[in-house]
């Protein structure tokens, strides 16, 4: 993918590269990789969050950054004033200059100069002149009182000292509402996946002019088998990937990853199933996230009894059940050869 685009990726696993501490904040995470930045010597740095979902052409934002002569540019999108407690919000001047920050305030007097009924929220997308960024990171690393965070520390300390501009988010998703999701919690991650199952999903995966590039493993096509009364292999309102076998089971409102088998007489509803999962016969599962390489025994029930679910699994405040590989699935042993029978 990167070669096709004339680009490359270098994955830098977290390491204690500058001291005895792991990453202590978003700014420290970049600081600990400062030597990798120096080896490439870029003129500009784009800082992104790994748990956000949106479609954006960064070249447009970079062009704006250069045209305005900014030292740092942050992306912003309008939100209703009643939602400000969930976001970092910015005060933006008539010419797009950033005048102030507030981090998740209960309320704010800030209003967007482009829409007086909205507030500009920071998207956690920043473009820095590299020299400006490196100096700020070094100063922040030497500050014992810093939280080493871009939103809390780096940007507020630059306010009034560096030219800081706000870039209005241009959504490439081609839907009526701007699409940007922070999926930093399990419930938010679940909701974003469920968005994909809608008849007209708010996040468009099917736009040929803006393809979603990912790693595709080689598996056979998905297969749906048996069409008997009470034993029909079918999936509705769901996203089903390669290598899936739905064998006499019913799947609805689900995202099912690669190499999953769901066996006869089972029903899975409103769930996310990761890859390499085997769900035995006569299972009933709803509102769950099932981790990869989990084998669920015959007759397992998940998502119907909150008390039992909390005893065996992690359950979020909204009632979403998380089934991991170390969950107590085998407290009531079944035939140890059950996997061979499916």
C-alpha atoms as a PDB file:
ATOM      1  CA  UNK A   1       0.000   0.000   0.000  1.00  0.00           C
ATOM      2  CA  UNK A   2       2.705   2.473   0.989  1.00  0.00           C
ATOM      3  CA  UNK A   3       4.719   1.611  -2.120  1.00  0.00           C
ATOM      4  CA  UNK A   4       1.652   2.174  -4.283  1.00  0.00           C
ATOM      5  CA  UNK A   5       1.332   5.672  -2.839  1.00  0.00           C
ATOM      6  CA  UNK A   6       5.058   6.387  -3.051  1.00  0.00           C
ATOM      7  CA  UNK A   7       5.330   6.463   0.735  1.00  0.00           C
ATOM      8  CA  UNK A   8       6.661   4.305   3.549  1.00  0.00           C
ATOM      9  CA  UNK A   9       5.877   3.434   7.145  1.00  0.00           C
ATOM     10  CA  UNK A  10       8.380   2.999   9.925  1.00  0.00           C
ATOM     11  CA  UNK A  11       6.819   1.434  13.004  1.00  0.00           C
ATOM     12  CA  UNK A  12       8.516   2.475  16.240  1.00  0.00           C
ATOM     13  CA  UNK A  13       7.460   0.284  19.180  1.00  0.00           C
ATOM     14  CA  UNK A  14       7.355   1.993  22.587  1.00  0.00           C
ATOM     15  CA  UNK A  15      10.786   1.940  24.184  1.00  0.00           C
ATOM     16  CA  UNK A  16      12.464   3.689  27.101  1.00  0.00           C
ATOM     17  CA  UNK A  17      14.652   5.629  24.715  1.00  0.00           C
ATOM     18  CA  UNK A  18      15.407   8.720  26.806  1.00  0.00           C
ATOM     19  CA  UNK A  19      15.218   7.477  30.389  1.00  0.00           C
ATOM     20  CA  UNK A  20      13.620   5.015  32.779  1.00  0.00           C
ATOM     21  CA  UNK A  21      10.014   5.943  31.962  1.00  0.00           C
ATOM     22  CA  UNK A  22       7.603   4.673  29.345  1.00  0.00           C
ATOM     23  CA  UNK A  23       5.535   7.254  27.465  1.00  0.00           C
ATOM     24  CA  UNK A  24       4.203   9.730  30.020  1.00  0.00           C
ATOM     25  CA  UNK A  25       1.936  11.651  27.639  1.00  0.00           C
ATOM     26  CA  UNK A  26       1.339  12.462  23.994  1.00  0.00           C
ATOM     27  CA  UNK A  27       4.196  14.976  23.861  1.00  0.00           C
ATOM     28  CA  UNK A  28       6.590  12.620  25.652  1.00  0.00           C
ATOM     29  CA  UNK A  29       5.733   9.868  23.164  1.00  0.00           C
ATOM     30  CA  UNK A  30       7.004  12.100  20.352  1.00  0.00           C
ATOM     31  CA  UNK A  31       9.966  13.340  22.414  1.00  0.00           C
ATOM     32  CA  UNK A  32      11.161   9.801  23.050  1.00  0.00           C
ATOM     33  CA  UNK A  33      11.378   9.346  19.270  1.00  0.00           C
ATOM     34  CA  UNK A  34      13.065  12.686  18.647  1.00  0.00           C
ATOM     35  CA  UNK A  35      16.136  11.047  17.127  1.00  0.00           C
ATOM     36  CA  UNK A  36      14.010   9.356  14.466  1.00  0.00           C
ATOM     37  CA  UNK A  37      12.608  12.776  13.547  1.00  0.00           C
ATOM     38  CA  UNK A  38      16.096  14.196  13.354  1.00  0.00           C
ATOM     39  CA  UNK A  39      17.299  11.413  11.069  1.00  0.00           C
ATOM     40  CA  UNK A  40      14.637  12.292   8.472  1.00  0.00           C
ATOM     41  CA  UNK A  41      14.987  16.094   8.873  1.00  0.00           C
ATOM     42  CA  UNK A  42      11.471  17.011   7.694  1.00  0.00           C
ATOM     43  CA  UNK A  43      10.443  20.665   7.386  1.00  0.00           C
ATOM     44  CA  UNK A  44       7.044  19.943   8.922  1.00  0.00           C
ATOM     45  CA  UNK A  45       5.614  17.399  11.338  1.00  0.00           C
ATOM     46  CA  UNK A  46       2.009  16.192  11.406  1.00  0.00           C
ATOM     47  CA  UNK A  47       0.950  14.824  14.801  1.00  0.00           C
ATOM     48  CA  UNK A  48      -2.083  12.508  14.773  1.00  0.00           C
ATOM     49  CA  UNK A  49      -4.024  10.407  17.255  1.00  0.00           C
ATOM     50  CA  UNK A  50      -4.210   6.661  16.741  1.00  0.00           C
ATOM     51  CA  UNK A  51      -7.740   6.245  18.109  1.00  0.00           C
ATOM     52  CA  UNK A  52      -9.671   8.632  15.867  1.00  0.00           C
ATOM     53  CA  UNK A  53     -11.716   7.735  12.779  1.00  0.00           C
ATOM     54  CA  UNK A  54     -12.278  10.263   9.987  1.00  0.00           C
ATOM     55  CA  UNK A  55     -11.383  11.005   6.372  1.00  0.00           C
ATOM     56  CA  UNK A  56      -9.120  13.970   5.829  1.00  0.00           C
ATOM     57  CA  UNK A  57      -6.733  15.165   3.144  1.00  0.00           C
ATOM     58  CA  UNK A  58      -3.726  16.299   5.155  1.00  0.00           C
ATOM     59  CA  UNK A  59      -2.195  18.007   2.110  1.00  0.00           C
ATOM     60  CA  UNK A  60      -4.967  20.626   2.250  1.00  0.00           C
ATOM     61  CA  UNK A  61      -4.174  21.358   5.879  1.00  0.00           C
ATOM     62  CA  UNK A  62      -0.443  21.516   5.135  1.00  0.00           C
ATOM     63  CA  UNK A  63      -1.061  23.960   2.280  1.00  0.00           C
ATOM     64  CA  UNK A  64      -3.082  26.156   4.674  1.00  0.00           C
ATOM     65  CA  UNK A  65      -0.278  25.954   7.243  1.00  0.00           C
ATOM     66  CA  UNK A  66       2.258  27.167   4.681  1.00  0.00           C
ATOM     67  CA  UNK A  67       0.011  29.862   3.192  1.00  0.00           C
ATOM     68  CA  UNK A  68      -0.682  31.434   6.590  1.00  0.00           C
ATOM     69  CA  UNK A  69       2.965  31.301   7.682  1.00  0.00           C
ATOM     70  CA  UNK A  70       1.974  29.477  10.861  1.00  0.00           C
ATOM     71  CA  UNK A  71       4.381  27.899  13.331  1.00  0.00           C
ATOM     72  CA  UNK A  72       1.681  25.441  14.344  1.00  0.00           C
ATOM     73  CA  UNK A  73      -1.750  24.660  12.929  1.00  0.00           C
ATOM     74  CA  UNK A  74      -4.446  22.592  14.607  1.00  0.00           C
ATOM     75  CA  UNK A  75      -7.507  21.073  12.988  1.00  0.00           C
ATOM     76  CA  UNK A  76     -10.883  22.020  14.416  1.00  0.00           C
ATOM     77  CA  UNK A  77     -14.486  21.051  13.823  1.00  0.00           C
ATOM     78  CA  UNK A  78     -17.709  22.659  15.066  1.00  0.00           C
ATOM     79  CA  UNK A  79     -19.596  21.026  17.936  1.00  0.00           C
ATOM     80  CA  UNK A  80     -22.747  22.024  19.855  1.00  0.00           C
ATOM     81  CA  UNK A  81     -22.027  24.094  23.000  1.00  0.00           C
ATOM     82  CA  UNK A  82     -23.653  21.415  25.177  1.00  0.00           C
ATOM     83  CA  UNK A  83     -20.948  18.910  24.153  1.00  0.00           C
ATOM     84  CA  UNK A  84     -17.893  20.926  25.198  1.00  0.00           C
ATOM     85  CA  UNK A  85     -17.255  18.869  28.354  1.00  0.00           C
ATOM     86  CA  UNK A  86     -16.121  16.002  26.114  1.00  0.00           C
ATOM     87  CA  UNK A  87     -13.534  17.968  24.119  1.00  0.00           C
ATOM     88  CA  UNK A  88     -10.686  20.408  24.204  1.00  0.00           C
ATOM     89  CA  UNK A  89     -12.105  23.605  22.727  1.00  0.00           C
ATOM     90  CA  UNK A  90     -10.354  26.559  21.114  1.00  0.00           C
ATOM     91  CA  UNK A  91     -11.116  30.244  20.733  1.00  0.00           C
ATOM     92  CA  UNK A  92     -10.600  31.216  17.099  1.00  0.00           C
ATOM     93  CA  UNK A  93     -10.299  34.733  15.731  1.00  0.00           C
ATOM     94  CA  UNK A  94     -11.872  36.115  12.577  1.00  0.00           C
ATOM     95  CA  UNK A  95      -8.742  35.339  10.543  1.00  0.00           C
ATOM     96  CA  UNK A  96      -8.396  31.796  11.897  1.00  0.00           C
ATOM     97  CA  UNK A  97      -5.812  32.600  14.569  1.00  0.00           C
ATOM     98  CA  UNK A  98      -5.999  30.639  17.830  1.00  0.00           C
ATOM     99  CA  UNK A  99      -6.642  32.933  20.798  1.00  0.00           C
ATOM    100  CA  UNK A 100      -7.322  30.496  23.650  1.00  0.00           C
ATOM    101  CA  UNK A 101      -7.708  26.921  24.880  1.00  0.00           C
ATOM    102  CA  UNK A 102     -10.003  25.200  27.338  1.00  0.00           C
ATOM    103  CA  UNK A 103      -9.683  21.498  28.129  1.00  0.00           C
ATOM    104  CA  UNK A 104     -13.088  19.822  28.562  1.00  0.00           C
ATOM    105  CA  UNK A 105     -14.819  22.753  30.313  1.00  0.00           C
ATOM    106  CA  UNK A 106     -18.252  22.371  31.878  1.00  0.00           C
ATOM    107  CA  UNK A 107     -19.319  25.312  29.701  1.00  0.00           C
ATOM    108  CA  UNK A 108     -17.609  27.954  27.616  1.00  0.00           C
ATOM    109  CA  UNK A 109     -18.148  31.418  26.195  1.00  0.00           C
ATOM    110  CA  UNK A 110     -16.141  30.466  23.102  1.00  0.00           C
ATOM    111  CA  UNK A 111     -18.054  30.548  19.835  1.00  0.00           C
ATOM    112  CA  UNK A 112     -16.891  29.802  16.335  1.00  0.00           C
ATOM    113  CA  UNK A 113     -16.412  32.932  14.205  1.00  0.00           C
ATOM    114  CA  UNK A 114     -17.805  30.932  11.281  1.00  0.00           C
ATOM    115  CA  UNK A 115     -20.884  29.611  13.129  1.00  0.00           C
ATOM    116  CA  UNK A 116     -22.072  31.529  16.222  1.00  0.00           C
ATOM    117  CA  UNK A 117     -24.193  28.554  17.315  1.00  0.00           C
ATOM    118  CA  UNK A 118     -21.176  26.216  17.510  1.00  0.00           C
ATOM    119  CA  UNK A 119     -17.880  25.883  19.361  1.00  0.00           C
ATOM    120  CA  UNK A 120     -14.614  24.901  17.676  1.00  0.00           C
ATOM    121  CA  UNK A 121     -13.214  21.651  19.107  1.00  0.00           C
ATOM    122  CA  UNK A 122      -9.646  20.486  18.645  1.00  0.00           C
ATOM    123  CA  UNK A 123      -9.412  17.232  16.686  1.00  0.00           C
ATOM    124  CA  UNK A 124      -5.989  16.299  18.062  1.00  0.00           C
ATOM    125  CA  UNK A 125      -4.426  16.881  14.606  1.00  0.00           C
ATOM    126  CA  UNK A 126      -1.455  19.255  14.589  1.00  0.00           C
ATOM    127  CA  UNK A 127       1.066  20.477  12.021  1.00  0.00           C
ATOM    128  CA  UNK A 128       4.285  21.979  13.378  1.00  0.00           C
ATOM    129  CA  UNK A 129       7.297  23.524  11.781  1.00  0.00           C
ATOM    130  CA  UNK A 130       9.824  20.923  12.871  1.00  0.00           C
ATOM    131  CA  UNK A 131      12.196  23.408  14.499  1.00  0.00           C
ATOM    132  CA  UNK A 132       9.317  24.832  16.545  1.00  0.00           C
ATOM    133  CA  UNK A 133       8.226  21.369  17.625  1.00  0.00           C
ATOM    134  CA  UNK A 134      11.668  20.128  18.648  1.00  0.00           C
ATOM    135  CA  UNK A 135      12.381  23.180  20.799  1.00  0.00           C
ATOM    136  CA  UNK A 136       9.005  22.829  22.496  1.00  0.00           C
ATOM    137  CA  UNK A 137       9.488  19.102  23.154  1.00  0.00           C
ATOM    138  CA  UNK A 138      12.919  19.615  24.694  1.00  0.00           C
ATOM    139  CA  UNK A 139      11.641  22.398  26.951  1.00  0.00           C
ATOM    140  CA  UNK A 140       8.648  20.295  27.964  1.00  0.00           C
ATOM    141  CA  UNK A 141      10.835  17.272  28.791  1.00  0.00           C
ATOM    142  CA  UNK A 142      12.865  19.452  31.183  1.00  0.00           C
ATOM    143  CA  UNK A 143       9.744  20.734  32.990  1.00  0.00           C
ATOM    144  CA  UNK A 144       9.057  18.568  36.065  1.00  0.00           C
ATOM    145  CA  UNK A 145       5.563  20.028  36.452  1.00  0.00           C
ATOM    146  CA  UNK A 146       4.429  19.219  32.919  1.00  0.00           C
ATOM    147  CA  UNK A 147       1.937  16.510  32.071  1.00  0.00           C
ATOM    148  CA  UNK A 148       3.817  16.133  28.768  1.00  0.00           C
ATOM    149  CA  UNK A 149       0.645  16.474  26.725  1.00  0.00           C
ATOM    150  CA  UNK A 150       0.096  18.493  23.561  1.00  0.00           C
ATOM    151  CA  UNK A 151      -3.331  19.783  24.565  1.00  0.00           C
ATOM    152  CA  UNK A 152      -2.487  20.474  28.196  1.00  0.00           C
ATOM    153  CA  UNK A 153       1.076  21.745  27.907  1.00  0.00           C
ATOM    154  CA  UNK A 154       2.723  22.178  24.500  1.00  0.00           C
ATOM    155  CA  UNK A 155       0.071  24.263  22.746  1.00  0.00           C
ATOM    156  CA  UNK A 156      -0.986  26.478  25.695  1.00  0.00           C
ATOM    157  CA  UNK A 157       2.660  27.438  26.312  1.00  0.00           C
ATOM    158  CA  UNK A 158       3.019  28.493  22.665  1.00  0.00           C
ATOM    159  CA  UNK A 159      -0.077  30.693  22.792  1.00  0.00           C
ATOM    160  CA  UNK A 160       0.884  34.314  22.163  1.00  0.00           C
ATOM    161  CA  UNK A 161       4.502  33.354  21.440  1.00  0.00           C
ATOM    162  CA  UNK A 162       4.138  31.461  18.179  1.00  0.00           C
ATOM    163  CA  UNK A 163       1.774  31.969  15.274  1.00  0.00           C
ATOM    164  CA  UNK A 164      -0.948  29.422  15.837  1.00  0.00           C
ATOM    165  CA  UNK A 165      -3.753  28.879  13.334  1.00  0.00           C
ATOM    166  CA  UNK A 166      -6.933  26.801  13.288  1.00  0.00           C
ATOM    167  CA  UNK A 167      -7.808  24.805  10.185  1.00  0.00           C
ATOM    168  CA  UNK A 168     -11.488  24.038   9.634  1.00  0.00           C
ATOM    169  CA  UNK A 169     -11.967  20.323   9.038  1.00  0.00           C
ATOM    170  CA  UNK A 170     -12.831  19.417   5.434  1.00  0.00           C
ATOM    171  CA  UNK A 171     -14.552  16.034   5.538  1.00  0.00           C
ATOM    172  CA  UNK A 172     -13.807  13.625   2.666  1.00  0.00           C
ATOM    173  CA  UNK A 173     -16.514  11.208   3.868  1.00  0.00           C
ATOM    174  CA  UNK A 174     -19.100  12.837   1.582  1.00  0.00           C
ATOM    175  CA  UNK A 175     -22.016  12.602   3.966  1.00  0.00           C
ATOM    176  CA  UNK A 176     -24.290  15.346   5.289  1.00  0.00           C
ATOM    177  CA  UNK A 177     -22.772  15.469   8.776  1.00  0.00           C
ATOM    178  CA  UNK A 178     -19.055  15.784   9.498  1.00  0.00           C
ATOM    179  CA  UNK A 179     -17.711  12.393  10.571  1.00  0.00           C
ATOM    180  CA  UNK A 180     -15.035  12.312  13.271  1.00  0.00           C
ATOM    181  CA  UNK A 181     -15.069   9.771  16.083  1.00  0.00           C
ATOM    182  CA  UNK A 182     -12.797   9.371  19.071  1.00  0.00           C
ATOM    183  CA  UNK A 183     -12.791   5.624  19.795  1.00  0.00           C
ATOM    184  CA  UNK A 184     -10.603   5.756  22.877  1.00  0.00           C
ATOM    185  CA  UNK A 185     -13.137   3.815  24.963  1.00  0.00           C
ATOM    186  CA  UNK A 186     -14.642   0.375  24.435  1.00  0.00           C
ATOM    187  CA  UNK A 187     -18.157   1.772  24.128  1.00  0.00           C
ATOM    188  CA  UNK A 188     -17.061   4.379  21.561  1.00  0.00           C
ATOM    189  CA  UNK A 189     -15.176   1.713  19.590  1.00  0.00           C
ATOM    190  CA  UNK A 190     -18.267  -0.498  19.631  1.00  0.00           C
ATOM    191  CA  UNK A 191     -20.559   2.324  18.490  1.00  0.00           C
ATOM    192  CA  UNK A 192     -18.253   3.193  15.578  1.00  0.00           C
ATOM    193  CA  UNK A 193     -18.313  -0.418  14.399  1.00  0.00           C
ATOM    194  CA  UNK A 194     -22.081  -0.614  14.704  1.00  0.00           C
ATOM    195  CA  UNK A 195     -22.275   2.491  12.484  1.00  0.00           C
ATOM    196  CA  UNK A 196     -20.891   0.349   9.658  1.00  0.00           C
ATOM    197  CA  UNK A 197     -23.800  -2.100   9.814  1.00  0.00           C
ATOM    198  CA  UNK A 198     -26.468   0.439   8.919  1.00  0.00           C
ATOM    199  CA  UNK A 199     -28.174   0.249   5.539  1.00  0.00           C
ATOM    200  CA  UNK A 200     -26.643   3.648   4.727  1.00  0.00           C
ATOM    201  CA  UNK A 201     -23.615   3.788   7.046  1.00  0.00           C
ATOM    202  CA  UNK A 202     -22.591   7.260   8.180  1.00  0.00           C
ATOM    203  CA  UNK A 203     -18.958   6.304   7.527  1.00  0.00           C
ATOM    204  CA  UNK A 204     -18.603   5.450   3.851  1.00  0.00           C
ATOM    205  CA  UNK A 205     -16.394   2.403   3.225  1.00  0.00           C
ATOM    206  CA  UNK A 206     -17.480   2.113  -0.395  1.00  0.00           C
ATOM    207  CA  UNK A 207     -16.243   5.365  -1.906  1.00  0.00           C
ATOM    208  CA  UNK A 208     -13.961   4.304  -4.790  1.00  0.00           C
ATOM    209  CA  UNK A 209     -12.449   7.783  -4.907  1.00  0.00           C
ATOM    210  CA  UNK A 210     -11.351   7.524  -1.273  1.00  0.00           C
ATOM    211  CA  UNK A 211     -10.574   3.839  -0.620  1.00  0.00           C
ATOM    212  CA  UNK A 212      -9.852   2.517   2.848  1.00  0.00           C
ATOM    213  CA  UNK A 213      -6.422   0.938   2.576  1.00  0.00           C
ATOM    214  CA  UNK A 214      -5.741  -1.974   4.859  1.00  0.00           C
ATOM    215  CA  UNK A 215      -3.883  -5.246   5.008  1.00  0.00           C
ATOM    216  CA  UNK A 216      -5.891  -8.034   3.380  1.00  0.00           C
ATOM    217  CA  UNK A 217      -4.943 -11.583   4.327  1.00  0.00           C
ATOM    218  CA  UNK A 218      -5.604 -14.404   1.877  1.00  0.00           C
ATOM    219  CA  UNK A 219      -8.651 -16.430   2.942  1.00  0.00           C
ATOM    220  CA  UNK A 220     -11.437 -18.128   0.988  1.00  0.00           C
ATOM    221  CA  UNK A 221     -14.669 -16.201   0.418  1.00  0.00           C
ATOM    222  CA  UNK A 222     -17.228 -16.112   3.213  1.00  0.00           C
ATOM    223  CA  UNK A 223     -19.631 -19.059   3.166  1.00  0.00           C
ATOM    224  CA  UNK A 224     -23.185 -19.505   4.463  1.00  0.00           C
ATOM    225  CA  UNK A 225     -24.398 -23.095   4.694  1.00  0.00           C
ATOM    226  CA  UNK A 226     -27.572 -25.017   5.622  1.00  0.00           C
ATOM    227  CA  UNK A 227     -31.072 -23.906   4.771  1.00  0.00           C
ATOM    228  CA  UNK A 228     -33.144 -26.104   7.042  1.00  0.00           C
ATOM    229  CA  UNK A 229     -35.979 -24.994   9.327  1.00  0.00           C
ATOM    230  CA  UNK A 230     -34.327 -23.611  12.467  1.00  0.00           C
ATOM    231  CA  UNK A 231     -30.871 -24.175  11.005  1.00  0.00           C
ATOM    232  CA  UNK A 232     -30.221 -21.583   8.314  1.00  0.00           C
ATOM    233  CA  UNK A 233     -26.823 -20.013   7.775  1.00  0.00           C
ATOM    234  CA  UNK A 234     -27.541 -16.330   7.285  1.00  0.00           C
ATOM    235  CA  UNK A 235     -26.329 -12.814   8.094  1.00  0.00           C
ATOM    236  CA  UNK A 236     -28.318  -9.579   7.856  1.00  0.00           C
ATOM    237  CA  UNK A 237     -27.333  -5.952   8.460  1.00  0.00           C
ATOM    238  CA  UNK A 238     -23.765  -7.139   9.039  1.00  0.00           C
ATOM    239  CA  UNK A 239     -20.228  -6.755   7.723  1.00  0.00           C
ATOM    240  CA  UNK A 240     -18.774 -10.196   6.963  1.00  0.00           C
ATOM    241  CA  UNK A 241     -15.158 -10.662   5.890  1.00  0.00           C
ATOM    242  CA  UNK A 242     -13.183 -13.387   4.123  1.00  0.00           C
ATOM    243  CA  UNK A 243     -12.747 -16.836   5.607  1.00  0.00           C
ATOM    244  CA  UNK A 244     -15.980 -16.688   7.629  1.00  0.00           C
ATOM    245  CA  UNK A 245     -18.213 -19.746   7.761  1.00  0.00           C
ATOM    246  CA  UNK A 246     -21.707 -19.242   9.115  1.00  0.00           C
ATOM    247  CA  UNK A 247     -22.849 -22.825   9.431  1.00  0.00           C
ATOM    248  CA  UNK A 248     -26.554 -23.013  10.225  1.00  0.00           C
ATOM    249  CA  UNK A 249     -26.358 -19.958  12.496  1.00  0.00           C
ATOM    250  CA  UNK A 250     -27.996 -16.522  12.436  1.00  0.00           C
ATOM    251  CA  UNK A 251     -25.944 -13.332  12.532  1.00  0.00           C
ATOM    252  CA  UNK A 252     -27.491  -9.862  12.692  1.00  0.00           C
ATOM    253  CA  UNK A 253     -26.096  -6.362  13.178  1.00  0.00           C
ATOM    254  CA  UNK A 254     -22.538  -7.667  13.538  1.00  0.00           C
ATOM    255  CA  UNK A 255     -19.017  -7.007  12.338  1.00  0.00           C
ATOM    256  CA  UNK A 256     -17.352 -10.397  11.825  1.00  0.00           C
ATOM    257  CA  UNK A 257     -13.607 -10.517  11.177  1.00  0.00           C
ATOM    258  CA  UNK A 258     -11.581 -12.973   9.149  1.00  0.00           C
ATOM    259  CA  UNK A 259     -11.434 -16.723   9.739  1.00  0.00           C
ATOM    260  CA  UNK A 260     -14.446 -16.997  12.069  1.00  0.00           C
ATOM    261  CA  UNK A 261     -16.758 -19.994  12.328  1.00  0.00           C
ATOM    262  CA  UNK A 262     -20.218 -19.715  13.858  1.00  0.00           C
ATOM    263  CA  UNK A 263     -21.862 -23.102  14.213  1.00  0.00           C
ATOM    264  CA  UNK A 264     -25.377 -24.457  13.955  1.00  0.00           C
ATOM    265  CA  UNK A 265     -28.344 -23.169  15.960  1.00  0.00           C
ATOM    266  CA  UNK A 266     -26.371 -20.227  17.350  1.00  0.00           C
ATOM    267  CA  UNK A 267     -27.541 -16.596  17.214  1.00  0.00           C
ATOM    268  CA  UNK A 268     -25.129 -13.660  17.363  1.00  0.00           C
ATOM    269  CA  UNK A 269     -26.573 -10.155  17.476  1.00  0.00           C
ATOM    270  CA  UNK A 270     -25.118  -6.623  17.675  1.00  0.00           C
ATOM    271  CA  UNK A 271     -21.588  -7.862  18.309  1.00  0.00           C
ATOM    272  CA  UNK A 272     -18.016  -7.486  17.087  1.00  0.00           C
ATOM    273  CA  UNK A 273     -16.222 -10.788  16.507  1.00  0.00           C
ATOM    274  CA  UNK A 274     -12.470 -10.607  16.027  1.00  0.00           C
ATOM    275  CA  UNK A 275     -10.508 -13.026  13.839  1.00  0.00           C
ATOM    276  CA  UNK A 276      -9.879 -16.747  14.420  1.00  0.00           C
ATOM    277  CA  UNK A 277     -12.932 -17.245  16.651  1.00  0.00           C
ATOM    278  CA  UNK A 278     -14.965 -20.452  16.867  1.00  0.00           C
ATOM    279  CA  UNK A 279     -18.476 -20.150  18.296  1.00  0.00           C
ATOM    280  CA  UNK A 280     -19.981 -23.529  19.161  1.00  0.00           C
ATOM    281  CA  UNK A 281     -23.501 -24.756  18.592  1.00  0.00           C
ATOM    282  CA  UNK A 282     -26.573 -23.450  20.454  1.00  0.00           C
ATOM    283  CA  UNK A 283     -24.865 -20.246  21.625  1.00  0.00           C
ATOM    284  CA  UNK A 284     -26.718 -16.984  22.174  1.00  0.00           C
ATOM    285  CA  UNK A 285     -24.601 -13.828  22.083  1.00  0.00           C
ATOM    286  CA  UNK A 286     -25.586 -10.183  21.925  1.00  0.00           C
ATOM    287  CA  UNK A 287     -23.864  -6.807  22.509  1.00  0.00           C
ATOM    288  CA  UNK A 288     -20.417  -8.341  22.907  1.00  0.00           C
ATOM    289  CA  UNK A 289     -16.888  -7.834  21.669  1.00  0.00           C
ATOM    290  CA  UNK A 290     -15.146 -11.196  21.282  1.00  0.00           C
ATOM    291  CA  UNK A 291     -11.360 -11.148  21.172  1.00  0.00           C
ATOM    292  CA  UNK A 292      -9.333 -13.054  18.577  1.00  0.00           C
ATOM    293  CA  UNK A 293      -8.481 -16.735  19.054  1.00  0.00           C
ATOM    294  CA  UNK A 294     -11.398 -17.264  21.463  1.00  0.00           C
ATOM    295  CA  UNK A 295     -13.210 -20.614  21.281  1.00  0.00           C
ATOM    296  CA  UNK A 296     -16.687 -20.406  22.763  1.00  0.00           C
ATOM    297  CA  UNK A 297     -18.122 -23.729  23.937  1.00  0.00           C
ATOM    298  CA  UNK A 298     -21.480 -25.147  22.942  1.00  0.00           C
ATOM    299  CA  UNK A 299     -24.472 -23.617  24.681  1.00  0.00           C
ATOM    300  CA  UNK A 300     -22.703 -20.460  25.915  1.00  0.00           C
ATOM    301  CA  UNK A 301     -24.977 -17.491  26.635  1.00  0.00           C
ATOM    302  CA  UNK A 302     -23.484 -13.970  26.646  1.00  0.00           C
ATOM    303  CA  UNK A 303     -25.291 -10.668  26.970  1.00  0.00           C
ATOM    304  CA  UNK A 304     -28.546 -11.904  28.476  1.00  0.00           C
ATOM    305  CA  UNK A 305     -27.722 -12.213  32.190  1.00  0.00           C
ATOM    306  CA  UNK A 306     -25.784  -9.176  33.512  1.00  0.00           C
ATOM    307  CA  UNK A 307     -24.958 -10.826  36.830  1.00  0.00           C
ATOM    308  CA  UNK A 308     -23.506 -13.935  35.204  1.00  0.00           C
ATOM    309  CA  UNK A 309     -21.667 -11.882  32.583  1.00  0.00           C
ATOM    310  CA  UNK A 310     -19.969  -9.765  35.254  1.00  0.00           C
ATOM    311  CA  UNK A 311     -18.854 -12.913  37.046  1.00  0.00           C
ATOM    312  CA  UNK A 312     -17.096 -14.250  33.968  1.00  0.00           C
ATOM    313  CA  UNK A 313     -16.221 -11.270  31.781  1.00  0.00           C
ATOM    314  CA  UNK A 314     -15.543  -7.559  31.793  1.00  0.00           C
ATOM    315  CA  UNK A 315     -18.754  -5.560  31.319  1.00  0.00           C
ATOM    316  CA  UNK A 316     -18.697  -1.847  30.517  1.00  0.00           C
ATOM    317  CA  UNK A 317     -21.045   0.634  32.267  1.00  0.00           C
ATOM    318  CA  UNK A 318     -23.346   0.535  29.232  1.00  0.00           C
ATOM    319  CA  UNK A 319     -23.681  -3.257  29.493  1.00  0.00           C
ATOM    320  CA  UNK A 320     -21.307  -4.196  26.675  1.00  0.00           C
ATOM    321  CA  UNK A 321     -19.652  -7.569  27.380  1.00  0.00           C
ATOM    322  CA  UNK A 322     -15.951  -8.026  26.540  1.00  0.00           C
ATOM    323  CA  UNK A 323     -14.862 -11.650  26.029  1.00  0.00           C
ATOM    324  CA  UNK A 324     -11.088 -12.067  26.071  1.00  0.00           C
ATOM    325  CA  UNK A 325      -8.879 -15.118  25.745  1.00  0.00           C
ATOM    326  CA  UNK A 326      -8.416 -15.349  29.518  1.00  0.00           C
ATOM    327  CA  UNK A 327     -12.166 -15.188  30.254  1.00  0.00           C
ATOM    328  CA  UNK A 328     -13.770 -17.990  32.280  1.00  0.00           C
ATOM    329  CA  UNK A 329     -15.324 -19.736  29.305  1.00  0.00           C
ATOM    330  CA  UNK A 330     -14.423 -23.186  30.512  1.00  0.00           C
ATOM    331  CA  UNK A 331     -15.753 -23.121  34.079  1.00  0.00           C
ATOM    332  CA  UNK A 332     -18.382 -25.646  33.017  1.00  0.00           C
ATOM    333  CA  UNK A 333     -16.292 -28.047  30.922  1.00  0.00           C
ATOM    334  CA  UNK A 334     -17.688 -29.473  27.742  1.00  0.00           C
ATOM    335  CA  UNK A 335     -16.367 -32.225  25.541  1.00  0.00           C
ATOM    336  CA  UNK A 336     -12.672 -31.307  25.119  1.00  0.00           C
ATOM    337  CA  UNK A 337     -12.906 -32.364  21.485  1.00  0.00           C
ATOM    338  CA  UNK A 338     -15.698 -29.881  20.766  1.00  0.00           C
ATOM    339  CA  UNK A 339     -13.536 -27.958  18.321  1.00  0.00           C
ATOM    340  CA  UNK A 340     -13.130 -31.031  16.147  1.00  0.00           C
ATOM    341  CA  UNK A 341     -16.900 -31.533  16.057  1.00  0.00           C
ATOM    342  CA  UNK A 342     -17.618 -28.181  14.422  1.00  0.00           C
END
